[in-house]
């Protein structure tokens, strides 16, 4: 609970970001209830966690498709969004980021070890943009942008707890 409170107090909304890419993503998808509603089908399509609904919305905005299966699958292409648990993540897996839309990493605050792993991941030179939403993080390879790490408040009023 203390980690959540600390994250909430030290994170920003879209107005606290100075990256045009992250601001646009936050404004048009993350904090946009209308856009979020367009990706919810309400029929139990397999997207049950808060992160998967949001990743589905972001991938639709960026033109990607979700893949939450084995990270080492041969079908990874430029439009693939990988969803993985941080406990299953290996440093060598960051090589797949260059061929994907983005990577969603779940459970980054679940333990101190996971948090250290997250810190190591975002310091890797392959990661140009990271967005920490407390419940999960998003990793992007955007060589046209300088390296930045963002902490945004998860919009629980849109996607639920």
Protein backbone atom coordinates (compact mmCIF):
# COMPACT_ATOMS: atom_id res chain seq x y z
CA UNK A 1 0.00 0.00 0.00
CA UNK A 2 2.89 2.37 0.76
CA UNK A 3 4.41 1.70 -2.67
CA UNK A 4 1.09 2.55 -4.31
CA UNK A 5 0.75 5.77 -2.30
CA UNK A 6 4.35 6.77 -3.08
CA UNK A 7 3.81 6.05 -6.79
CA UNK A 8 0.59 8.07 -6.81
CA UNK A 9 2.24 11.07 -5.14
CA UNK A 10 5.34 11.03 -7.37
CA UNK A 11 3.62 10.30 -10.68
CA UNK A 12 2.12 12.68 -13.20
CA UNK A 13 -0.97 12.88 -15.32
CA UNK A 14 -0.66 13.66 -19.01
CA UNK A 15 -0.06 17.31 -18.11
CA UNK A 16 3.16 16.43 -16.30
CA UNK A 17 4.78 14.93 -19.39
CA UNK A 18 7.02 16.89 -21.73
CA UNK A 19 7.31 14.25 -24.43
CA UNK A 20 4.97 14.81 -27.40
CA UNK A 21 4.76 11.03 -27.95
CA UNK A 22 3.84 10.22 -24.34
CA UNK A 23 1.52 13.21 -24.01
CA UNK A 24 -0.36 12.19 -27.19
CA UNK A 25 -0.58 8.59 -25.97
CA UNK A 26 -1.82 9.68 -22.55
CA UNK A 27 -4.27 12.23 -23.92
CA UNK A 28 -5.73 10.20 -26.75
CA UNK A 29 -5.67 6.72 -25.18
CA UNK A 30 -4.64 6.28 -21.54
CA UNK A 31 -6.85 9.04 -20.10
CA UNK A 32 -9.49 9.02 -22.84
CA UNK A 33 -12.61 7.15 -21.70
CA UNK A 34 -14.22 7.30 -25.14
CA UNK A 35 -11.23 5.59 -26.77
CA UNK A 36 -11.09 3.03 -23.97
CA UNK A 37 -14.74 2.15 -24.49
CA UNK A 38 -14.12 1.39 -28.16
CA UNK A 39 -11.77 -1.49 -27.29
CA UNK A 40 -13.97 -3.03 -24.61
CA UNK A 41 -16.33 -5.55 -26.05
CA UNK A 42 -17.82 -6.59 -22.71
CA UNK A 43 -17.98 -10.20 -23.86
CA UNK A 44 -14.98 -11.61 -22.01
CA UNK A 45 -12.69 -11.62 -25.03
CA UNK A 46 -9.76 -12.84 -22.96
CA UNK A 47 -8.65 -9.38 -21.85
CA UNK A 48 -9.34 -9.57 -18.15
CA UNK A 49 -6.61 -7.60 -16.44
CA UNK A 50 -6.49 -3.82 -16.27
CA UNK A 51 -3.24 -3.88 -18.20
CA UNK A 52 -4.62 -5.90 -21.06
CA UNK A 53 -7.51 -3.50 -21.66
CA UNK A 54 -5.14 -0.57 -21.72
CA UNK A 55 -2.60 -2.39 -23.88
CA UNK A 56 -5.36 -3.28 -26.28
CA UNK A 57 -6.30 0.40 -26.53
CA UNK A 58 -2.67 1.52 -27.00
CA UNK A 59 -1.98 -1.18 -29.58
CA UNK A 60 -5.08 -0.13 -31.53
CA UNK A 61 -3.83 3.47 -31.49
CA UNK A 62 -0.33 2.45 -32.63
CA UNK A 63 -1.56 -0.16 -35.11
CA UNK A 64 -0.32 -3.21 -33.25
CA UNK A 65 -1.65 -6.61 -32.25
CA UNK A 66 -1.40 -8.23 -28.82
CA UNK A 67 0.64 -11.34 -28.15
CA UNK A 68 0.74 -12.59 -24.59
CA UNK A 69 2.14 -16.01 -25.32
CA UNK A 70 5.77 -17.13 -25.34
CA UNK A 71 8.11 -14.21 -25.98
CA UNK A 72 10.34 -16.40 -28.13
CA UNK A 73 7.66 -17.11 -30.74
CA UNK A 74 8.71 -16.79 -34.36
CA UNK A 75 5.70 -14.65 -35.27
CA UNK A 76 6.97 -11.40 -33.73
CA UNK A 77 6.77 -8.55 -36.20
CA UNK A 78 6.84 -4.76 -36.02
CA UNK A 79 3.20 -4.53 -34.98
CA UNK A 80 3.32 -7.04 -32.13
CA UNK A 81 2.68 -5.97 -28.55
CA UNK A 82 4.26 -8.35 -26.07
CA UNK A 83 2.66 -8.81 -22.66
CA UNK A 84 4.86 -10.56 -20.12
CA UNK A 85 5.27 -10.93 -16.38
CA UNK A 86 8.44 -9.37 -15.03
CA UNK A 87 9.36 -12.61 -13.24
CA UNK A 88 9.58 -14.34 -16.66
CA UNK A 89 11.58 -11.55 -18.27
CA UNK A 90 15.25 -11.97 -19.20
CA UNK A 91 17.61 -9.17 -20.18
CA UNK A 92 18.19 -10.84 -23.53
CA UNK A 93 14.45 -10.49 -24.29
CA UNK A 94 14.92 -6.76 -24.88
CA UNK A 95 16.28 -7.64 -28.31
CA UNK A 96 12.67 -8.37 -29.34
CA UNK A 97 11.72 -4.76 -28.65
CA UNK A 98 13.28 -3.60 -31.89
CA UNK A 99 10.82 -5.83 -33.76
CA UNK A 100 7.72 -5.00 -31.73
CA UNK A 101 5.35 -2.13 -31.16
CA UNK A 102 5.98 -2.12 -27.38
CA UNK A 103 6.38 -4.48 -24.43
CA UNK A 104 4.06 -4.47 -21.45
CA UNK A 105 5.70 -5.74 -18.27
CA UNK A 106 3.31 -6.80 -15.51
CA UNK A 107 3.82 -6.86 -11.72
CA UNK A 108 6.70 -4.40 -11.49
CA UNK A 109 5.83 -3.38 -7.92
CA UNK A 110 4.88 -6.84 -6.66
CA UNK A 111 8.21 -7.28 -4.85
CA UNK A 112 11.47 -5.47 -4.25
CA UNK A 113 13.20 -7.89 -6.61
CA UNK A 114 10.71 -7.07 -9.38
CA UNK A 115 11.26 -3.37 -8.81
CA UNK A 116 15.04 -3.80 -9.10
CA UNK A 117 14.52 -5.77 -12.31
CA UNK A 118 12.32 -2.97 -13.67
CA UNK A 119 14.99 -0.37 -12.83
CA UNK A 120 17.56 -2.49 -14.66
CA UNK A 121 15.28 -2.83 -17.68
CA UNK A 122 14.61 0.88 -18.08
CA UNK A 123 18.29 1.71 -17.77
CA UNK A 124 19.09 -0.55 -20.73
CA UNK A 125 20.15 1.44 -23.83
CA UNK A 126 17.57 -0.40 -25.97
CA UNK A 127 14.74 1.24 -24.01
CA UNK A 128 14.18 4.81 -25.16
CA UNK A 129 10.83 5.44 -23.46
CA UNK A 130 9.33 3.73 -20.43
CA UNK A 131 5.97 4.44 -18.85
CA UNK A 132 5.42 3.21 -15.30
CA UNK A 133 1.69 2.90 -14.55
CA UNK A 134 2.27 1.12 -11.20
CA UNK A 135 0.37 -2.06 -12.09
CA UNK A 136 2.53 -2.56 -15.15
CA UNK A 137 5.09 -0.78 -17.28
CA UNK A 138 5.35 -0.06 -20.98
CA UNK A 139 8.67 -0.20 -22.84
CA UNK A 140 9.25 1.45 -26.21
CA UNK A 141 12.16 1.55 -28.62
CA UNK A 142 11.99 5.02 -30.22
CA UNK A 143 15.47 5.96 -31.42
CA UNK A 144 14.16 9.32 -32.68
CA UNK A 145 13.42 10.32 -29.07
CA UNK A 146 15.85 10.93 -26.26
CA UNK A 147 15.79 8.44 -23.40
CA UNK A 148 13.06 9.25 -20.87
CA UNK A 149 11.25 7.39 -18.10
CA UNK A 150 7.75 8.47 -17.14
CA UNK A 151 5.59 7.70 -14.14
CA UNK A 152 1.92 8.16 -14.92
CA UNK A 153 -1.08 7.59 -12.69
CA UNK A 154 -3.00 4.53 -13.76
CA UNK A 155 -6.51 5.73 -14.75
CA UNK A 156 -8.49 3.43 -12.46
CA UNK A 157 -11.56 5.61 -13.00
CA UNK A 158 -11.56 4.43 -16.61
CA UNK A 159 -10.18 0.89 -16.52
CA UNK A 160 -11.03 -0.17 -12.94
CA UNK A 161 -8.80 -1.52 -10.20
